[in-house]
Amino acid sequence: MAMTAPKVVRSMCPMNCHPTFCGMLVEVEGGWLKTVSGDKDNPDSQGFLCVRGRATSEIFGNRRQSVCLGSPHRRWRF
C-alpha cells in the first residue's frame, strides 16, 4: 500500500464533553490518524484539548485495533 502525503484536517473532538465542544486539528497519513492537537481558531475551545481529546490518537491511531479512518470498525481477534 502506497503511503500518501500527510494531510491536516479540521475536526471536532469525538468525546462530546459539555459545555465545550473542542476543535481539533487531525493529521492523517495513508488513512491513519497520526497526531491530534487543539484548534486555536475554534471560537469555543481556543486551542484547548482536554486529556480525553488528546487520547484520541491512542484510540483511533492504534493499528492493533484495525481501525482505519473511512472504514468500518472491526474487533481485534487474538
C-alpha atoms as a PDB file:
ATOM      1  CA  MET A   1       0.000   0.000   0.000  1.00  0.00           C
ATOM      2  CA  ALA A   2       1.481   3.316  -1.082  1.00  0.00           C
ATOM      3  CA  MET A   3       1.643   5.958   1.615  1.00  0.00           C
ATOM      4  CA  THR A   4       0.150   9.331   0.828  1.00  0.00           C
ATOM      5  CA  ALA A   5       1.418  12.695   1.984  1.00  0.00           C
ATOM      6  CA  PRO A   6       0.229  13.747   5.456  1.00  0.00           C
ATOM      7  CA  LYS A   7      -2.856  15.949   5.469  1.00  0.00           C
ATOM      8  CA  VAL A   8      -4.173  18.137   8.311  1.00  0.00           C
ATOM      9  CA  VAL A   9      -7.957  18.059   8.706  1.00  0.00           C
ATOM     10  CA  ARG A  10     -10.053  20.343  10.912  1.00  0.00           C
ATOM     11  CA  SER A  11     -12.437  18.303  13.074  1.00  0.00           C
ATOM     12  CA  MET A  12     -14.286  18.185  16.389  1.00  0.00           C
ATOM     13  CA  CYS A  13     -13.378  16.077  19.408  1.00  0.00           C
ATOM     14  CA  PRO A  14     -15.367  12.800  19.405  1.00  0.00           C
ATOM     15  CA  MET A  15     -15.681  12.773  23.216  1.00  0.00           C
ATOM     16  CA  ASN A  16     -18.520  15.370  23.255  1.00  0.00           C
ATOM     17  CA  CYS A  17     -17.627  16.951  26.606  1.00  0.00           C
ATOM     18  CA  HIS A  18     -20.084  19.629  27.673  1.00  0.00           C
ATOM     19  CA  PRO A  19     -20.219  22.643  27.713  1.00  0.00           C
ATOM     20  CA  THR A  20     -17.119  22.948  25.493  1.00  0.00           C
ATOM     21  CA  PHE A  21     -17.013  21.367  22.043  1.00  0.00           C
ATOM     22  CA  CYS A  22     -13.290  21.239  21.351  1.00  0.00           C
ATOM     23  CA  GLY A  23     -11.969  21.840  17.867  1.00  0.00           C
ATOM     24  CA  MET A  24      -9.157  19.572  16.718  1.00  0.00           C
ATOM     25  CA  LEU A  25      -6.523  19.582  14.028  1.00  0.00           C
ATOM     26  CA  VAL A  26      -6.018  15.983  12.944  1.00  0.00           C
ATOM     27  CA  GLU A  27      -3.017  14.843  10.912  1.00  0.00           C
ATOM     28  CA  VAL A  28      -3.887  11.887   8.671  1.00  0.00           C
ATOM     29  CA  GLU A  29      -1.405   9.889   6.596  1.00  0.00           C
ATOM     30  CA  GLY A  30      -2.433   6.991   4.377  1.00  0.00           C
ATOM     31  CA  GLY A  31      -5.865   6.884   6.031  1.00  0.00           C
ATOM     32  CA  TRP A  32      -4.361   6.525   9.517  1.00  0.00           C
ATOM     33  CA  LEU A  33      -4.530   9.054  12.338  1.00  0.00           C
ATOM     34  CA  LYS A  34      -1.049  10.351  13.153  1.00  0.00           C
ATOM     35  CA  THR A  35      -1.490  13.253  15.602  1.00  0.00           C
ATOM     36  CA  VAL A  36      -4.182  15.432  17.148  1.00  0.00           C
ATOM     37  CA  SER A  37      -3.899  18.944  18.545  1.00  0.00           C
ATOM     38  CA  GLY A  38      -6.199  21.708  19.686  1.00  0.00           C
ATOM     39  CA  ASP A  39      -7.508  24.105  17.025  1.00  0.00           C
ATOM     40  CA  LYS A  40      -6.590  27.662  18.038  1.00  0.00           C
ATOM     41  CA  ASP A  41      -9.112  29.023  15.507  1.00  0.00           C
ATOM     42  CA  ASN A  42     -12.047  27.268  17.201  1.00  0.00           C
ATOM     43  CA  PRO A  43     -14.033  30.025  18.966  1.00  0.00           C
ATOM     44  CA  ASP A  44     -15.304  27.679  21.676  1.00  0.00           C
ATOM     45  CA  SER A  45     -12.141  25.867  22.833  1.00  0.00           C
ATOM     46  CA  GLN A  46      -9.500  28.335  21.526  1.00  0.00           C
ATOM     47  CA  GLY A  47      -6.853  25.619  21.152  1.00  0.00           C
ATOM     48  CA  PHE A  48      -7.637  23.781  24.396  1.00  0.00           C
ATOM     49  CA  LEU A  49      -7.910  19.996  24.163  1.00  0.00           C
ATOM     50  CA  CYS A  50      -8.584  18.017  27.359  1.00  0.00           C
ATOM     51  CA  VAL A  51      -6.875  14.755  28.262  1.00  0.00           C
ATOM     52  CA  ARG A  52      -9.701  12.715  26.726  1.00  0.00           C
ATOM     53  CA  GLY A  53      -9.382  14.627  23.453  1.00  0.00           C
ATOM     54  CA  ARG A  54      -5.606  14.199  23.422  1.00  0.00           C
ATOM     55  CA  ALA A  55      -6.064  10.432  23.949  1.00  0.00           C
ATOM     56  CA  THR A  56      -7.990  10.209  20.677  1.00  0.00           C
ATOM     57  CA  SER A  57      -4.775   9.411  18.820  1.00  0.00           C
ATOM     58  CA  GLU A  58      -4.173   6.433  21.129  1.00  0.00           C
ATOM     59  CA  ILE A  59      -7.674   5.093  20.499  1.00  0.00           C
ATOM     60  CA  PHE A  60      -8.062   5.669  16.759  1.00  0.00           C
ATOM     61  CA  GLY A  61      -4.359   5.538  15.893  1.00  0.00           C
ATOM     62  CA  ASN A  62      -3.802   2.079  17.354  1.00  0.00           C
ATOM     63  CA  ARG A  63      -3.120  -0.251  14.410  1.00  0.00           C
ATOM     64  CA  ARG A  64      -3.734  -3.324  16.618  1.00  0.00           C
ATOM     65  CA  GLN A  65      -7.388  -2.322  16.761  1.00  0.00           C
ATOM     66  CA  SER A  66      -7.583  -2.424  12.939  1.00  0.00           C
ATOM     67  CA  VAL A  67      -9.340   0.923  12.901  1.00  0.00           C
ATOM     68  CA  CYS A  68      -8.748   2.811   9.687  1.00  0.00           C
ATOM     69  CA  LEU A  69     -10.413   6.156   9.098  1.00  0.00           C
ATOM     70  CA  GLY A  70     -13.132   5.822   6.483  1.00  0.00           C
ATOM     71  CA  SER A  71     -13.788   2.113   7.050  1.00  0.00           C
ATOM     72  CA  PRO A  72     -15.999   0.147   9.437  1.00  0.00           C
ATOM     73  CA  HIS A  73     -14.600  -0.689  12.843  1.00  0.00           C
ATOM     74  CA  ARG A  74     -13.559  -4.299  13.309  1.00  0.00           C
ATOM     75  CA  ARG A  75     -12.927  -6.119  16.554  1.00  0.00           C
ATOM     76  CA  TRP A  76      -9.327  -7.320  17.020  1.00  0.00           C
ATOM     77  CA  ARG A  77      -9.174 -11.120  17.436  1.00  0.00           C
ATOM     78  CA  PHE A  78      -6.295 -12.626  19.404  1.00  0.00           C
END
